[in-house]
């Protein structure tokens, strides 16, 4: 049995879901981002309790097919950008189509219809969030970050970053350094 869970985008979310399953004595479950696979069937009461308990933690058990597909898309993008060592070399459209086993046009149209933004915009927003994270860690320079995230150039990365955040990557990095300096002065 597969259960799909909305807003489950981090390892901490996986731990919360695992704890909620244990509270309900639901064993033999494999918990992944946005998905729980349970080997045994669960009762209607257990499912309802799980749904209620997850809502209390900010997560949501999904029932309708479109919501489930949107969560699969979001989780695939999150996993691809935030949790893999390197991004796939093929186009994101090919990657998502193969991973989710749907035509990319269908995925993109469904995503736009439900979320009110294009799938491409969602991917760009996630890439910019990853850039922010990498800038804050200060381990890679902008050229290395653009290479790691498969940008065609540093200029392309900078343009997308500025379009989303309103700041240049270098100014964003300077803000971080100023905040740290101000904290040291306290």
C-alpha atoms as a PDB file:
ATOM      1  CA  UNK A   1       0.000   0.000   0.000  1.00  0.00           C
ATOM      2  CA  UNK A   2       1.306   3.442  -0.931  1.00  0.00           C
ATOM      3  CA  UNK A   3       0.451   6.633   0.915  1.00  0.00           C
ATOM      4  CA  UNK A   4       1.368  10.046  -0.473  1.00  0.00           C
ATOM      5  CA  UNK A   5       2.166  12.894   1.886  1.00  0.00           C
ATOM      6  CA  UNK A   6       2.179  16.600   1.046  1.00  0.00           C
ATOM      7  CA  UNK A   7       4.881  19.013   2.319  1.00  0.00           C
ATOM      8  CA  UNK A   8       7.276  16.155   3.074  1.00  0.00           C
ATOM      9  CA  UNK A   9      10.483  17.632   1.713  1.00  0.00           C
ATOM     10  CA  UNK A  10      13.233  16.966   4.242  1.00  0.00           C
ATOM     11  CA  UNK A  11      14.871  14.243   6.261  1.00  0.00           C
ATOM     12  CA  UNK A  12      13.256  15.691   9.387  1.00  0.00           C
ATOM     13  CA  UNK A  13       9.823  15.214   7.776  1.00  0.00           C
ATOM     14  CA  UNK A  14      10.702  11.579   7.124  1.00  0.00           C
ATOM     15  CA  UNK A  15      11.540  11.132  10.812  1.00  0.00           C
ATOM     16  CA  UNK A  16       8.232  12.713  11.873  1.00  0.00           C
ATOM     17  CA  UNK A  17       6.260  10.413   9.564  1.00  0.00           C
ATOM     18  CA  UNK A  18       8.171   7.398  10.825  1.00  0.00           C
ATOM     19  CA  UNK A  19       7.351   8.356  14.433  1.00  0.00           C
ATOM     20  CA  UNK A  20       3.654   8.805  13.618  1.00  0.00           C
ATOM     21  CA  UNK A  21       3.560   5.374  11.969  1.00  0.00           C
ATOM     22  CA  UNK A  22       5.159   3.801  15.039  1.00  0.00           C
ATOM     23  CA  UNK A  23       2.598   5.462  17.337  1.00  0.00           C
ATOM     24  CA  UNK A  24      -0.142   3.728  15.337  1.00  0.00           C
ATOM     25  CA  UNK A  25       1.703   0.391  15.355  1.00  0.00           C
ATOM     26  CA  UNK A  26       2.111   0.484  11.589  1.00  0.00           C
ATOM     27  CA  UNK A  27       5.208  -1.595  10.927  1.00  0.00           C
ATOM     28  CA  UNK A  28       7.069  -2.662   7.805  1.00  0.00           C
ATOM     29  CA  UNK A  29       6.927   0.815   6.287  1.00  0.00           C
ATOM     30  CA  UNK A  30       9.451   2.372   3.954  1.00  0.00           C
ATOM     31  CA  UNK A  31       9.411   6.152   4.297  1.00  0.00           C
ATOM     32  CA  UNK A  32      10.698   8.320   1.472  1.00  0.00           C
ATOM     33  CA  UNK A  33      10.161  11.956   0.492  1.00  0.00           C
ATOM     34  CA  UNK A  34       6.431  12.316  -0.096  1.00  0.00           C
ATOM     35  CA  UNK A  35       5.787   8.591  -0.055  1.00  0.00           C
ATOM     36  CA  UNK A  36       5.226   5.831   2.475  1.00  0.00           C
ATOM     37  CA  UNK A  37       5.101   2.224   1.323  1.00  0.00           C
ATOM     38  CA  UNK A  38       3.455  -0.096   3.802  1.00  0.00           C
ATOM     39  CA  UNK A  39       3.701  -3.846   3.302  1.00  0.00           C
ATOM     40  CA  UNK A  40       0.578  -4.625   5.338  1.00  0.00           C
ATOM     41  CA  UNK A  41      -2.866  -3.124   4.883  1.00  0.00           C
ATOM     42  CA  UNK A  42      -3.967  -0.523   7.407  1.00  0.00           C
ATOM     43  CA  UNK A  43      -7.436  -0.036   8.800  1.00  0.00           C
ATOM     44  CA  UNK A  44      -9.658   2.907   7.970  1.00  0.00           C
ATOM     45  CA  UNK A  45      -9.256   4.054  11.581  1.00  0.00           C
ATOM     46  CA  UNK A  46      -5.451   3.912  11.367  1.00  0.00           C
ATOM     47  CA  UNK A  47      -5.505   5.890   8.108  1.00  0.00           C
ATOM     48  CA  UNK A  48      -7.792   8.541   9.634  1.00  0.00           C
ATOM     49  CA  UNK A  49      -5.645   8.831  12.770  1.00  0.00           C
ATOM     50  CA  UNK A  50      -2.512   9.078  10.646  1.00  0.00           C
ATOM     51  CA  UNK A  51      -4.141  11.812   8.564  1.00  0.00           C
ATOM     52  CA  UNK A  52      -5.112  13.780  11.692  1.00  0.00           C
ATOM     53  CA  UNK A  53      -1.702  13.330  13.358  1.00  0.00           C
ATOM     54  CA  UNK A  54       0.181  14.371  10.226  1.00  0.00           C
ATOM     55  CA  UNK A  55      -1.950  17.522   9.929  1.00  0.00           C
ATOM     56  CA  UNK A  56      -0.838  18.510  13.442  1.00  0.00           C
ATOM     57  CA  UNK A  57       2.783  18.363  12.279  1.00  0.00           C
ATOM     58  CA  UNK A  58       2.161  20.380   9.102  1.00  0.00           C
ATOM     59  CA  UNK A  59       2.016  17.389   6.770  1.00  0.00           C
ATOM     60  CA  UNK A  60      -1.002  16.201   4.807  1.00  0.00           C
ATOM     61  CA  UNK A  61      -2.050  12.745   3.676  1.00  0.00           C
ATOM     62  CA  UNK A  62      -3.218  13.042   0.071  1.00  0.00           C
ATOM     63  CA  UNK A  63      -6.212  11.356  -1.495  1.00  0.00           C
ATOM     64  CA  UNK A  64      -6.833  12.765  -4.988  1.00  0.00           C
ATOM     65  CA  UNK A  65      -4.744  11.815  -8.023  1.00  0.00           C
ATOM     66  CA  UNK A  66      -3.761  15.342  -9.110  1.00  0.00           C
ATOM     67  CA  UNK A  67      -2.483  16.272  -5.651  1.00  0.00           C
ATOM     68  CA  UNK A  68      -0.513  13.042  -5.517  1.00  0.00           C
ATOM     69  CA  UNK A  69       1.048  13.743  -8.917  1.00  0.00           C
ATOM     70  CA  UNK A  70       1.956  17.318  -7.918  1.00  0.00           C
ATOM     71  CA  UNK A  71       3.666  16.024  -4.767  1.00  0.00           C
ATOM     72  CA  UNK A  72       5.552  13.441  -6.823  1.00  0.00           C
ATOM     73  CA  UNK A  73       6.742  16.222  -9.142  1.00  0.00           C
ATOM     74  CA  UNK A  74       7.746  18.497  -6.257  1.00  0.00           C
ATOM     75  CA  UNK A  75       9.568  15.687  -4.485  1.00  0.00           C
ATOM     76  CA  UNK A  76      11.389  14.632  -7.653  1.00  0.00           C
ATOM     77  CA  UNK A  77      12.553  18.238  -8.219  1.00  0.00           C
ATOM     78  CA  UNK A  78      13.560  18.647  -4.555  1.00  0.00           C
ATOM     79  CA  UNK A  79      15.434  15.362  -4.564  1.00  0.00           C
ATOM     80  CA  UNK A  80      17.122  16.170  -7.879  1.00  0.00           C
ATOM     81  CA  UNK A  81      18.308  19.647  -6.864  1.00  0.00           C
ATOM     82  CA  UNK A  82      18.820  19.476  -3.118  1.00  0.00           C
ATOM     83  CA  UNK A  83      19.770  15.888  -2.336  1.00  0.00           C
ATOM     84  CA  UNK A  84      21.785  14.548  -5.275  1.00  0.00           C
ATOM     85  CA  UNK A  85      25.503  15.042  -5.583  1.00  0.00           C
ATOM     86  CA  UNK A  86      25.145  16.282  -9.135  1.00  0.00           C
ATOM     87  CA  UNK A  87      22.249  17.257 -11.333  1.00  0.00           C
ATOM     88  CA  UNK A  88      21.299  14.986 -14.216  1.00  0.00           C
ATOM     89  CA  UNK A  89      23.094  15.778 -17.455  1.00  0.00           C
ATOM     90  CA  UNK A  90      19.936  15.372 -19.544  1.00  0.00           C
ATOM     91  CA  UNK A  91      17.220  18.017 -19.641  1.00  0.00           C
ATOM     92  CA  UNK A  92      15.040  18.223 -16.558  1.00  0.00           C
ATOM     93  CA  UNK A  93      12.057  17.430 -18.764  1.00  0.00           C
ATOM     94  CA  UNK A  94      13.605  14.099 -19.798  1.00  0.00           C
ATOM     95  CA  UNK A  95      14.669  13.336 -16.225  1.00  0.00           C
ATOM     96  CA  UNK A  96      11.206  14.028 -14.767  1.00  0.00           C
ATOM     97  CA  UNK A  97       9.415  12.132 -17.546  1.00  0.00           C
ATOM     98  CA  UNK A  98      11.567   9.064 -17.008  1.00  0.00           C
ATOM     99  CA  UNK A  99      11.439   9.224 -13.205  1.00  0.00           C
ATOM    100  CA  UNK A 100       7.673   9.740 -12.979  1.00  0.00           C
ATOM    101  CA  UNK A 101       6.744   7.776 -16.120  1.00  0.00           C
ATOM    102  CA  UNK A 102       4.527  10.504 -17.567  1.00  0.00           C
ATOM    103  CA  UNK A 103       4.828  12.679 -20.634  1.00  0.00           C
ATOM    104  CA  UNK A 104       6.538  15.949 -19.677  1.00  0.00           C
ATOM    105  CA  UNK A 105       3.820  18.059 -21.325  1.00  0.00           C
ATOM    106  CA  UNK A 106       1.213  16.366 -19.134  1.00  0.00           C
ATOM    107  CA  UNK A 107       3.359  16.896 -16.030  1.00  0.00           C
ATOM    108  CA  UNK A 108       3.989  20.556 -16.871  1.00  0.00           C
ATOM    109  CA  UNK A 109       0.342  21.298 -17.729  1.00  0.00           C
ATOM    110  CA  UNK A 110      -0.971  19.596 -14.585  1.00  0.00           C
ATOM    111  CA  UNK A 111       1.601  21.382 -12.428  1.00  0.00           C
ATOM    112  CA  UNK A 112       0.738  24.796 -13.918  1.00  0.00           C
ATOM    113  CA  UNK A 113      -2.986  24.189 -13.561  1.00  0.00           C
ATOM    114  CA  UNK A 114      -2.744  23.230  -9.882  1.00  0.00           C
ATOM    115  CA  UNK A 115       0.136  25.414  -8.643  1.00  0.00           C
ATOM    116  CA  UNK A 116      -0.379  28.552 -10.744  1.00  0.00           C
ATOM    117  CA  UNK A 117       3.255  28.605 -11.883  1.00  0.00           C
ATOM    118  CA  UNK A 118       5.119  26.713 -14.527  1.00  0.00           C
ATOM    119  CA  UNK A 119       7.151  23.653 -13.701  1.00  0.00           C
ATOM    120  CA  UNK A 120      10.171  25.436 -15.149  1.00  0.00           C
ATOM    121  CA  UNK A 121       9.657  28.348 -12.715  1.00  0.00           C
ATOM    122  CA  UNK A 122       9.457  25.873  -9.837  1.00  0.00           C
ATOM    123  CA  UNK A 123      12.732  24.268 -10.918  1.00  0.00           C
ATOM    124  CA  UNK A 124      14.424  27.673 -11.217  1.00  0.00           C
ATOM    125  CA  UNK A 125      13.206  28.710  -7.749  1.00  0.00           C
ATOM    126  CA  UNK A 126      14.631  25.497  -6.302  1.00  0.00           C
ATOM    127  CA  UNK A 127      17.932  25.981  -8.116  1.00  0.00           C
ATOM    128  CA  UNK A 128      18.178  29.535  -6.738  1.00  0.00           C
ATOM    129  CA  UNK A 129      17.496  28.204  -3.225  1.00  0.00           C
ATOM    130  CA  UNK A 130      20.335  25.725  -3.726  1.00  0.00           C
ATOM    131  CA  UNK A 131      22.593  28.564  -4.920  1.00  0.00           C
ATOM    132  CA  UNK A 132      21.745  30.513  -1.737  1.00  0.00           C
ATOM    133  CA  UNK A 133      22.607  27.488   0.369  1.00  0.00           C
ATOM    134  CA  UNK A 134      25.925  26.977  -1.429  1.00  0.00           C
ATOM    135  CA  UNK A 135      26.775  30.687  -1.134  1.00  0.00           C
ATOM    136  CA  UNK A 136      26.127  30.585   2.611  1.00  0.00           C
ATOM    137  CA  UNK A 137      28.363  27.534   3.062  1.00  0.00           C
ATOM    138  CA  UNK A 138      31.119  29.495   1.308  1.00  0.00           C
ATOM    139  CA  UNK A 139      32.794  26.315   0.065  1.00  0.00           C
ATOM    140  CA  UNK A 140      32.375  26.968  -3.667  1.00  0.00           C
ATOM    141  CA  UNK A 141      32.825  30.087  -5.747  1.00  0.00           C
ATOM    142  CA  UNK A 142      30.180  31.239  -8.223  1.00  0.00           C
ATOM    143  CA  UNK A 143      31.862  29.535 -11.180  1.00  0.00           C
ATOM    144  CA  UNK A 144      31.932  26.207  -9.324  1.00  0.00           C
ATOM    145  CA  UNK A 145      28.302  26.643  -8.247  1.00  0.00           C
ATOM    146  CA  UNK A 146      27.188  27.384 -11.822  1.00  0.00           C
ATOM    147  CA  UNK A 147      29.011  24.268 -13.019  1.00  0.00           C
ATOM    148  CA  UNK A 148      27.574  22.104 -10.219  1.00  0.00           C
ATOM    149  CA  UNK A 149      24.008  23.211 -11.008  1.00  0.00           C
ATOM    150  CA  UNK A 150      24.453  22.864 -14.806  1.00  0.00           C
ATOM    151  CA  UNK A 151      24.110  26.553 -15.638  1.00  0.00           C
ATOM    152  CA  UNK A 152      25.448  27.485 -19.059  1.00  0.00           C
ATOM    153  CA  UNK A 153      27.438  30.357 -17.513  1.00  0.00           C
ATOM    154  CA  UNK A 154      27.931  32.403 -14.365  1.00  0.00           C
ATOM    155  CA  UNK A 155      26.030  35.228 -16.086  1.00  0.00           C
ATOM    156  CA  UNK A 156      23.005  32.949 -16.599  1.00  0.00           C
ATOM    157  CA  UNK A 157      23.083  31.897 -12.936  1.00  0.00           C
ATOM    158  CA  UNK A 158      23.430  35.545 -11.832  1.00  0.00           C
ATOM    159  CA  UNK A 159      20.515  36.645 -14.012  1.00  0.00           C
ATOM    160  CA  UNK A 160      18.196  33.954 -12.664  1.00  0.00           C
ATOM    161  CA  UNK A 161      19.329  34.642  -9.098  1.00  0.00           C
ATOM    162  CA  UNK A 162      18.655  38.369  -9.442  1.00  0.00           C
ATOM    163  CA  UNK A 163      15.298  37.762 -11.132  1.00  0.00           C
ATOM    164  CA  UNK A 164      14.130  35.565  -8.223  1.00  0.00           C
ATOM    165  CA  UNK A 165      15.727  37.340  -5.227  1.00  0.00           C
ATOM    166  CA  UNK A 166      16.166  40.895  -6.478  1.00  0.00           C
ATOM    167  CA  UNK A 167      19.838  40.691  -5.455  1.00  0.00           C
ATOM    168  CA  UNK A 168      23.020  39.715  -7.221  1.00  0.00           C
ATOM    169  CA  UNK A 169      24.739  36.599  -5.833  1.00  0.00           C
ATOM    170  CA  UNK A 170      27.737  38.644  -4.706  1.00  0.00           C
ATOM    171  CA  UNK A 171      25.523  41.174  -2.885  1.00  0.00           C
ATOM    172  CA  UNK A 172      23.613  38.306  -1.249  1.00  0.00           C
ATOM    173  CA  UNK A 173      26.914  36.871  -0.033  1.00  0.00           C
ATOM    174  CA  UNK A 174      28.001  40.290   1.300  1.00  0.00           C
ATOM    175  CA  UNK A 175      24.755  40.565   3.277  1.00  0.00           C
ATOM    176  CA  UNK A 176      25.529  37.254   4.943  1.00  0.00           C
ATOM    177  CA  UNK A 177      29.009  38.433   5.872  1.00  0.00           C
ATOM    178  CA  UNK A 178      27.634  41.710   7.297  1.00  0.00           C
ATOM    179  CA  UNK A 179      25.092  39.793   9.411  1.00  0.00           C
ATOM    180  CA  UNK A 180      27.850  37.607  10.817  1.00  0.00           C
ATOM    181  CA  UNK A 181      30.018  40.649  11.548  1.00  0.00           C
ATOM    182  CA  UNK A 182      27.133  42.380  13.326  1.00  0.00           C
ATOM    183  CA  UNK A 183      26.574  39.283  15.460  1.00  0.00           C
ATOM    184  CA  UNK A 184      30.237  39.306  16.476  1.00  0.00           C
ATOM    185  CA  UNK A 185      29.895  42.921  17.658  1.00  0.00           C
ATOM    186  CA  UNK A 186      27.162  42.032  20.163  1.00  0.00           C
END
